[in-house]
N, C-alpha and C. Protein backbone atom coordinates (compact mmCIF):
# COMPACT_ATOMS: atom_id res chain seq x y z
N MET A 1 -9.55 -44.42 138.05
CA MET A 1 -10.88 -44.66 137.53
C MET A 1 -11.13 -43.86 136.26
N ASN A 2 -10.10 -43.65 135.47
CA ASN A 2 -10.25 -42.93 134.23
C ASN A 2 -10.73 -43.80 133.08
N GLU A 3 -10.74 -45.09 133.27
CA GLU A 3 -11.13 -46.02 132.22
C GLU A 3 -12.63 -45.97 132.00
N ILE A 4 -13.02 -46.06 130.74
CA ILE A 4 -14.44 -46.14 130.43
C ILE A 4 -14.76 -47.57 130.00
N THR A 5 -15.99 -47.96 130.15
CA THR A 5 -16.40 -49.32 129.83
C THR A 5 -16.59 -49.46 128.32
N ARG A 6 -16.68 -50.70 127.88
CA ARG A 6 -16.93 -50.98 126.46
C ARG A 6 -18.27 -50.39 126.03
N ARG A 7 -19.23 -50.43 126.93
CA ARG A 7 -20.55 -49.87 126.64
C ARG A 7 -20.44 -48.36 126.40
N ASP A 8 -19.64 -47.68 127.21
CA ASP A 8 -19.44 -46.24 127.02
C ASP A 8 -18.73 -45.95 125.70
N GLU A 9 -17.78 -46.82 125.34
CA GLU A 9 -17.07 -46.64 124.07
C GLU A 9 -18.03 -46.77 122.89
N VAL A 10 -18.93 -47.74 122.96
CA VAL A 10 -19.91 -47.90 121.88
C VAL A 10 -20.85 -46.70 121.84
N SER A 11 -21.21 -46.18 123.01
CA SER A 11 -22.06 -44.99 123.06
C SER A 11 -21.36 -43.79 122.45
N LEU A 12 -20.07 -43.64 122.75
CA LEU A 12 -19.31 -42.53 122.16
C LEU A 12 -19.19 -42.68 120.66
N SER A 13 -18.95 -43.89 120.18
CA SER A 13 -18.87 -44.12 118.74
C SER A 13 -20.21 -43.82 118.08
N GLY A 14 -21.28 -44.24 118.72
CA GLY A 14 -22.61 -43.96 118.18
C GLY A 14 -22.91 -42.47 118.15
N ALA A 15 -22.49 -41.76 119.20
CA ALA A 15 -22.69 -40.31 119.22
C ALA A 15 -21.87 -39.63 118.13
N ALA A 16 -20.67 -40.11 117.89
CA ALA A 16 -19.85 -39.54 116.82
C ALA A 16 -20.46 -39.82 115.46
N LEU A 17 -21.06 -41.00 115.30
CA LEU A 17 -21.68 -41.35 114.02
C LEU A 17 -23.03 -40.67 113.81
N ARG A 18 -23.55 -40.02 114.85
CA ARG A 18 -24.86 -39.38 114.73
C ARG A 18 -24.86 -38.33 113.62
N GLY A 19 -23.77 -37.62 113.47
CA GLY A 19 -23.70 -36.59 112.44
C GLY A 19 -23.01 -37.04 111.17
N ALA A 20 -22.97 -38.33 110.94
CA ALA A 20 -22.29 -38.85 109.75
C ALA A 20 -23.06 -38.48 108.49
N PRO A 21 -22.37 -38.39 107.38
CA PRO A 21 -23.03 -38.08 106.10
C PRO A 21 -23.73 -39.32 105.54
N TRP A 22 -24.87 -39.69 106.11
CA TRP A 22 -25.54 -40.94 105.74
C TRP A 22 -26.02 -40.93 104.29
N LYS A 23 -26.50 -39.80 103.81
CA LYS A 23 -26.99 -39.74 102.43
C LYS A 23 -25.83 -39.95 101.45
N ALA A 24 -24.73 -39.28 101.69
CA ALA A 24 -23.54 -39.45 100.83
C ALA A 24 -23.02 -40.88 100.92
N ALA A 25 -23.07 -41.46 102.12
CA ALA A 25 -22.61 -42.84 102.29
C ALA A 25 -23.50 -43.81 101.52
N ALA A 26 -24.80 -43.60 101.58
CA ALA A 26 -25.73 -44.48 100.86
C ALA A 26 -25.57 -44.34 99.35
N ILE A 27 -25.41 -43.11 98.89
CA ILE A 27 -25.23 -42.89 97.44
C ILE A 27 -23.90 -43.49 96.98
N GLY A 28 -22.83 -43.25 97.75
CA GLY A 28 -21.52 -43.79 97.38
C GLY A 28 -21.50 -45.31 97.39
N GLY A 29 -22.03 -45.91 98.45
CA GLY A 29 -22.06 -47.37 98.53
C GLY A 29 -22.93 -47.99 97.45
N GLY A 30 -24.09 -47.38 97.20
CA GLY A 30 -24.98 -47.89 96.16
C GLY A 30 -24.39 -47.75 94.77
N ALA A 31 -23.75 -46.62 94.50
CA ALA A 31 -23.14 -46.40 93.19
C ALA A 31 -22.00 -47.38 92.92
N VAL A 32 -21.16 -47.59 93.92
CA VAL A 32 -20.04 -48.53 93.75
C VAL A 32 -20.57 -49.95 93.60
N SER A 33 -21.59 -50.28 94.36
CA SER A 33 -22.18 -51.61 94.25
C SER A 33 -22.77 -51.84 92.86
N ALA A 34 -23.51 -50.87 92.36
CA ALA A 34 -24.10 -50.99 91.03
C ALA A 34 -23.02 -51.04 89.95
N ALA A 35 -22.00 -50.20 90.09
CA ALA A 35 -20.92 -50.20 89.10
C ALA A 35 -20.15 -51.52 89.12
N SER A 36 -19.92 -52.06 90.30
CA SER A 36 -19.22 -53.33 90.40
C SER A 36 -20.01 -54.47 89.77
N PHE A 37 -21.29 -54.50 90.07
CA PHE A 37 -22.12 -55.56 89.51
C PHE A 37 -22.29 -55.38 88.00
N GLY A 38 -22.47 -54.13 87.56
CA GLY A 38 -22.62 -53.85 86.13
C GLY A 38 -21.37 -54.20 85.33
N SER A 39 -20.22 -53.84 85.85
CA SER A 39 -18.98 -54.17 85.13
C SER A 39 -18.75 -55.67 85.14
N GLY A 40 -19.17 -56.34 86.21
CA GLY A 40 -19.07 -57.79 86.25
C GLY A 40 -19.97 -58.45 85.22
N LEU A 41 -21.15 -57.91 85.02
CA LEU A 41 -22.05 -58.46 84.01
C LEU A 41 -21.50 -58.26 82.60
N ILE A 42 -20.88 -57.11 82.38
CA ILE A 42 -20.32 -56.82 81.06
C ILE A 42 -19.16 -57.76 80.74
N THR A 43 -18.31 -58.00 81.73
CA THR A 43 -17.15 -58.86 81.51
C THR A 43 -17.47 -60.35 81.68
N GLY A 44 -18.68 -60.64 82.12
CA GLY A 44 -19.09 -62.04 82.22
C GLY A 44 -18.89 -62.68 83.58
N GLY A 45 -18.52 -61.92 84.58
CA GLY A 45 -18.29 -62.51 85.89
C GLY A 45 -19.01 -61.76 87.00
N GLY A 46 -20.24 -61.33 86.74
CA GLY A 46 -20.98 -60.53 87.72
C GLY A 46 -21.32 -61.33 88.97
N ASP A 47 -20.89 -60.86 90.10
CA ASP A 47 -21.15 -61.53 91.38
C ASP A 47 -21.91 -60.55 92.27
N LEU A 48 -23.19 -60.81 92.48
CA LEU A 48 -24.03 -59.92 93.26
C LEU A 48 -23.58 -59.85 94.72
N THR A 49 -23.16 -60.97 95.27
CA THR A 49 -22.71 -60.98 96.66
C THR A 49 -21.50 -60.07 96.85
N TRP A 50 -20.54 -60.18 95.96
CA TRP A 50 -19.34 -59.34 96.04
C TRP A 50 -19.72 -57.87 95.90
N ALA A 51 -20.58 -57.54 94.93
CA ALA A 51 -20.96 -56.15 94.70
C ALA A 51 -21.69 -55.56 95.91
N LEU A 52 -22.61 -56.32 96.48
CA LEU A 52 -23.34 -55.82 97.65
C LEU A 52 -22.42 -55.69 98.86
N GLY A 53 -21.52 -56.64 99.05
CA GLY A 53 -20.56 -56.55 100.16
C GLY A 53 -19.65 -55.35 100.02
N LEU A 54 -19.21 -55.08 98.80
CA LEU A 54 -18.37 -53.91 98.55
C LEU A 54 -19.14 -52.62 98.83
N GLY A 55 -20.40 -52.57 98.41
CA GLY A 55 -21.22 -51.39 98.67
C GLY A 55 -21.46 -51.16 100.15
N ILE A 56 -21.69 -52.24 100.91
CA ILE A 56 -21.91 -52.13 102.35
C ILE A 56 -20.63 -51.64 103.04
N ALA A 57 -19.49 -52.19 102.63
CA ALA A 57 -18.23 -51.77 103.23
C ALA A 57 -17.95 -50.30 102.96
N LEU A 58 -18.18 -49.87 101.73
CA LEU A 58 -17.94 -48.47 101.40
C LEU A 58 -18.94 -47.56 102.11
N PHE A 59 -20.17 -48.00 102.24
CA PHE A 59 -21.18 -47.24 102.98
C PHE A 59 -20.73 -46.96 104.41
N THR A 60 -20.26 -47.98 105.09
CA THR A 60 -19.84 -47.79 106.49
C THR A 60 -18.54 -46.99 106.58
N LEU A 61 -17.64 -47.17 105.62
CA LEU A 61 -16.40 -46.39 105.65
C LEU A 61 -16.66 -44.90 105.42
N ILE A 62 -17.52 -44.58 104.45
CA ILE A 62 -17.84 -43.17 104.19
C ILE A 62 -18.51 -42.55 105.41
N ALA A 63 -19.42 -43.29 106.04
CA ALA A 63 -20.10 -42.77 107.22
C ALA A 63 -19.11 -42.56 108.37
N ALA A 64 -18.22 -43.51 108.59
CA ALA A 64 -17.28 -43.41 109.70
C ALA A 64 -16.30 -42.26 109.50
N ILE A 65 -15.71 -42.18 108.33
CA ILE A 65 -14.72 -41.13 108.09
C ILE A 65 -15.38 -39.76 108.00
N GLY A 66 -16.57 -39.72 107.41
CA GLY A 66 -17.30 -38.46 107.36
C GLY A 66 -17.70 -37.96 108.72
N ALA A 67 -17.92 -38.87 109.65
CA ALA A 67 -18.33 -38.47 111.01
C ALA A 67 -17.20 -37.78 111.76
N VAL A 68 -15.99 -38.26 111.61
CA VAL A 68 -14.88 -37.68 112.37
C VAL A 68 -14.08 -36.64 111.57
N ALA A 69 -14.44 -36.43 110.32
CA ALA A 69 -13.68 -35.49 109.49
C ALA A 69 -13.85 -34.05 109.94
N LYS A 70 -14.99 -33.72 110.54
CA LYS A 70 -15.24 -32.35 110.99
C LYS A 70 -15.62 -32.39 112.47
N PRO A 71 -14.62 -32.51 113.34
CA PRO A 71 -14.92 -32.70 114.76
C PRO A 71 -15.45 -31.46 115.47
N ASN A 72 -15.36 -30.30 114.85
CA ASN A 72 -15.79 -29.08 115.52
C ASN A 72 -17.18 -28.63 115.09
N GLU A 73 -17.92 -29.49 114.41
CA GLU A 73 -19.29 -29.18 114.00
C GLU A 73 -20.26 -30.01 114.81
N GLY A 74 -21.47 -29.50 114.95
CA GLY A 74 -22.49 -30.22 115.70
C GLY A 74 -22.61 -29.70 117.12
N ASP A 75 -23.48 -30.36 117.89
CA ASP A 75 -23.66 -29.94 119.28
C ASP A 75 -22.47 -30.39 120.13
N ARG A 76 -22.47 -30.00 121.39
CA ARG A 76 -21.33 -30.25 122.27
C ARG A 76 -21.04 -31.74 122.42
N VAL A 77 -22.08 -32.53 122.59
CA VAL A 77 -21.88 -33.97 122.78
C VAL A 77 -21.29 -34.61 121.53
N THR A 78 -21.80 -34.22 120.37
CA THR A 78 -21.28 -34.77 119.12
C THR A 78 -19.84 -34.36 118.90
N ARG A 79 -19.50 -33.12 119.19
CA ARG A 79 -18.11 -32.67 119.05
C ARG A 79 -17.18 -33.44 119.96
N GLN A 80 -17.58 -33.62 121.20
CA GLN A 80 -16.73 -34.37 122.13
C GLN A 80 -16.59 -35.82 121.72
N ALA A 81 -17.67 -36.42 121.22
CA ALA A 81 -17.60 -37.82 120.77
C ALA A 81 -16.70 -37.96 119.55
N ARG A 82 -16.78 -37.00 118.64
CA ARG A 82 -15.92 -37.04 117.46
C ARG A 82 -14.45 -36.87 117.83
N GLN A 83 -14.18 -35.97 118.76
CA GLN A 83 -12.80 -35.79 119.20
C GLN A 83 -12.30 -37.03 119.93
N TRP A 84 -13.17 -37.69 120.68
CA TRP A 84 -12.78 -38.96 121.31
C TRP A 84 -12.46 -39.99 120.23
N GLY A 85 -13.29 -40.04 119.18
CA GLY A 85 -13.04 -40.97 118.08
C GLY A 85 -11.71 -40.73 117.40
N LEU A 86 -11.33 -39.47 117.26
CA LEU A 86 -10.03 -39.16 116.66
C LEU A 86 -8.88 -39.53 117.59
N ARG A 87 -9.08 -39.40 118.89
CA ARG A 87 -8.02 -39.76 119.84
C ARG A 87 -7.91 -41.27 120.04
N HIS A 88 -8.98 -42.00 119.78
CA HIS A 88 -9.01 -43.46 119.95
C HIS A 88 -9.55 -44.11 118.67
N PRO A 89 -8.79 -44.08 117.58
CA PRO A 89 -9.31 -44.56 116.30
C PRO A 89 -9.64 -46.05 116.28
N TRP A 90 -8.87 -46.87 116.99
CA TRP A 90 -9.12 -48.31 116.98
C TRP A 90 -10.38 -48.65 117.75
N ARG A 91 -10.66 -47.90 118.79
CA ARG A 91 -11.90 -48.13 119.54
C ARG A 91 -13.10 -47.58 118.79
N PHE A 92 -12.93 -46.42 118.15
CA PHE A 92 -14.01 -45.82 117.38
C PHE A 92 -14.43 -46.72 116.22
N ALA A 93 -13.46 -47.35 115.58
CA ALA A 93 -13.74 -48.14 114.37
C ALA A 93 -14.49 -49.44 114.66
N LEU A 94 -14.61 -49.81 115.93
CA LEU A 94 -15.34 -51.05 116.26
C LEU A 94 -16.81 -50.98 115.85
N LEU A 95 -17.47 -49.85 116.09
CA LEU A 95 -18.90 -49.76 115.76
C LEU A 95 -19.14 -49.78 114.25
N PRO A 96 -18.43 -49.00 113.43
CA PRO A 96 -18.63 -49.13 111.98
C PRO A 96 -18.34 -50.54 111.46
N ALA A 97 -17.34 -51.20 112.04
CA ALA A 97 -17.04 -52.58 111.63
C ALA A 97 -18.17 -53.51 112.00
N GLY A 98 -18.73 -53.34 113.17
CA GLY A 98 -19.87 -54.15 113.58
C GLY A 98 -21.08 -53.90 112.71
N ILE A 99 -21.31 -52.64 112.36
CA ILE A 99 -22.43 -52.32 111.46
C ILE A 99 -22.23 -52.99 110.12
N ALA A 100 -21.01 -52.94 109.59
CA ALA A 100 -20.73 -53.58 108.30
C ALA A 100 -20.96 -55.08 108.37
N ALA A 101 -20.51 -55.72 109.42
CA ALA A 101 -20.68 -57.17 109.55
C ALA A 101 -22.16 -57.54 109.68
N VAL A 102 -22.90 -56.78 110.46
CA VAL A 102 -24.33 -57.07 110.65
C VAL A 102 -25.10 -56.85 109.35
N LEU A 103 -24.78 -55.81 108.61
CA LEU A 103 -25.46 -55.57 107.34
C LEU A 103 -25.06 -56.59 106.27
N ASP A 104 -23.83 -57.07 106.34
CA ASP A 104 -23.33 -58.00 105.34
C ASP A 104 -23.78 -59.44 105.58
N TYR A 105 -24.10 -59.79 106.82
CA TYR A 105 -24.47 -61.16 107.14
C TYR A 105 -25.68 -61.66 106.34
N PRO A 106 -26.81 -60.92 106.28
CA PRO A 106 -27.93 -61.43 105.49
C PRO A 106 -27.62 -61.53 104.00
N VAL A 107 -26.78 -60.63 103.51
CA VAL A 107 -26.39 -60.70 102.09
C VAL A 107 -25.63 -61.99 101.83
N GLN A 108 -24.68 -62.29 102.71
CA GLN A 108 -23.90 -63.52 102.55
C GLN A 108 -24.78 -64.75 102.73
N LEU A 109 -25.71 -64.69 103.65
CA LEU A 109 -26.57 -65.83 103.93
C LEU A 109 -27.52 -66.12 102.78
N VAL A 110 -28.12 -65.09 102.22
CA VAL A 110 -29.14 -65.28 101.18
C VAL A 110 -28.52 -65.51 99.80
N PHE A 111 -27.53 -64.70 99.44
CA PHE A 111 -27.03 -64.74 98.06
C PHE A 111 -25.83 -65.66 97.86
N ASP A 112 -25.04 -65.90 98.90
CA ASP A 112 -23.82 -66.68 98.71
C ASP A 112 -24.06 -68.18 98.86
N GLY A 113 -25.00 -68.57 99.70
CA GLY A 113 -25.32 -69.98 99.85
C GLY A 113 -24.28 -70.79 100.61
N ASP A 114 -23.51 -70.15 101.48
CA ASP A 114 -22.50 -70.86 102.26
C ASP A 114 -23.05 -71.42 103.56
N GLY A 115 -24.28 -71.12 103.89
CA GLY A 115 -24.85 -71.58 105.13
C GLY A 115 -24.66 -70.55 106.24
N VAL A 116 -25.16 -70.88 107.41
CA VAL A 116 -25.15 -69.94 108.53
C VAL A 116 -23.72 -69.61 108.96
N PHE A 117 -22.90 -70.62 109.13
CA PHE A 117 -21.54 -70.39 109.62
C PHE A 117 -20.64 -69.79 108.55
N GLY A 118 -20.80 -70.20 107.31
CA GLY A 118 -20.02 -69.62 106.23
C GLY A 118 -20.35 -68.14 106.02
N ALA A 119 -21.64 -67.81 106.14
CA ALA A 119 -22.04 -66.41 106.01
C ALA A 119 -21.49 -65.59 107.17
N ALA A 120 -21.50 -66.15 108.37
CA ALA A 120 -20.95 -65.44 109.53
C ALA A 120 -19.45 -65.22 109.37
N PHE A 121 -18.76 -66.22 108.87
CA PHE A 121 -17.32 -66.10 108.64
C PHE A 121 -17.02 -65.01 107.62
N ASP A 122 -17.74 -65.02 106.49
CA ASP A 122 -17.51 -64.01 105.45
C ASP A 122 -17.86 -62.61 105.96
N ALA A 123 -18.98 -62.48 106.66
CA ALA A 123 -19.37 -61.18 107.18
C ALA A 123 -18.36 -60.69 108.23
N GLY A 124 -17.84 -61.61 109.02
CA GLY A 124 -16.82 -61.24 110.01
C GLY A 124 -15.55 -60.73 109.36
N TRP A 125 -15.13 -61.39 108.27
CA TRP A 125 -13.95 -60.92 107.56
C TRP A 125 -14.18 -59.54 106.96
N HIS A 126 -15.37 -59.32 106.40
CA HIS A 126 -15.66 -58.00 105.84
C HIS A 126 -15.68 -56.94 106.93
N GLY A 127 -16.23 -57.29 108.08
CA GLY A 127 -16.20 -56.36 109.22
C GLY A 127 -14.79 -56.06 109.67
N LEU A 128 -13.93 -57.09 109.69
CA LEU A 128 -12.54 -56.90 110.08
C LEU A 128 -11.81 -55.96 109.11
N LEU A 129 -12.07 -56.11 107.82
CA LEU A 129 -11.46 -55.21 106.84
C LEU A 129 -11.93 -53.78 107.04
N VAL A 130 -13.22 -53.60 107.29
CA VAL A 130 -13.74 -52.26 107.55
C VAL A 130 -13.11 -51.69 108.81
N TYR A 131 -12.93 -52.52 109.83
CA TYR A 131 -12.32 -52.09 111.09
C TYR A 131 -10.91 -51.55 110.85
N VAL A 132 -10.11 -52.30 110.15
CA VAL A 132 -8.71 -51.91 109.92
C VAL A 132 -8.64 -50.65 109.05
N ILE A 133 -9.41 -50.62 107.97
CA ILE A 133 -9.36 -49.46 107.07
C ILE A 133 -9.89 -48.21 107.77
N ALA A 134 -10.99 -48.34 108.49
CA ALA A 134 -11.56 -47.17 109.18
C ALA A 134 -10.61 -46.65 110.26
N ALA A 135 -9.98 -47.54 110.99
CA ALA A 135 -9.05 -47.10 112.03
C ALA A 135 -7.83 -46.41 111.44
N ILE A 136 -7.30 -46.96 110.37
CA ILE A 136 -6.12 -46.34 109.74
C ILE A 136 -6.47 -44.98 109.15
N LEU A 137 -7.62 -44.88 108.48
CA LEU A 137 -8.03 -43.59 107.92
C LEU A 137 -8.31 -42.58 109.02
N THR A 138 -8.88 -43.03 110.13
CA THR A 138 -9.12 -42.13 111.26
C THR A 138 -7.80 -41.66 111.86
N MET A 139 -6.82 -42.55 111.92
CA MET A 139 -5.49 -42.15 112.42
C MET A 139 -4.87 -41.09 111.53
N THR A 140 -5.03 -41.21 110.22
CA THR A 140 -4.48 -40.20 109.33
C THR A 140 -5.22 -38.87 109.47
N LEU A 141 -6.52 -38.92 109.73
CA LEU A 141 -7.28 -37.69 109.95
C LEU A 141 -6.89 -37.04 111.26
N LYS A 142 -6.52 -37.84 112.22
CA LYS A 142 -6.17 -37.33 113.55
C LYS A 142 -5.08 -36.26 113.46
N GLY A 143 -4.06 -36.53 112.69
CA GLY A 143 -2.96 -35.58 112.54
C GLY A 143 -3.38 -34.32 111.80
N ARG A 144 -4.31 -34.44 110.88
CA ARG A 144 -4.73 -33.28 110.10
C ARG A 144 -5.74 -32.41 110.84
N VAL A 145 -6.67 -33.04 111.52
CA VAL A 145 -7.79 -32.31 112.09
C VAL A 145 -7.48 -31.75 113.47
N LEU A 146 -6.86 -32.54 114.33
CA LEU A 146 -6.64 -32.08 115.71
C LEU A 146 -5.51 -31.07 115.83
N THR A 147 -4.62 -30.99 114.83
CA THR A 147 -3.50 -30.06 114.92
C THR A 147 -3.87 -28.67 114.42
N ARG A 148 -5.00 -28.52 113.78
CA ARG A 148 -5.39 -27.20 113.27
C ARG A 148 -5.82 -26.30 114.36
């Protein structure tokens, strides 16, 4: 009976994300989004949907990696949740990926004009990319942080 439920895994991921650097994530995602859209306007191919999707993805990645980067800070529950996230990077990355997909769906729906199913498909792909990148980056942090 050592297995935990999916609900418990989401709770652990949420607890680990509680101490995430949200301000830095918002500034980083917003800056990259603005730079992407601005450079697109200068070169003649500015795509607002792409720029906003990139900003949302970077926002969630910065928050996810920032949350597990310092597993020994915060209260006891947050520390344990962060250490769980480092030990189970693929399970931890599910919540940031879901957040990215949920935040990206209205952007795809309103600005892209692909319809309900096309927006869901695009948001799902963006969530999948965030999932893979966050899990791989968390795996690389695992070796650095837990061995100290």
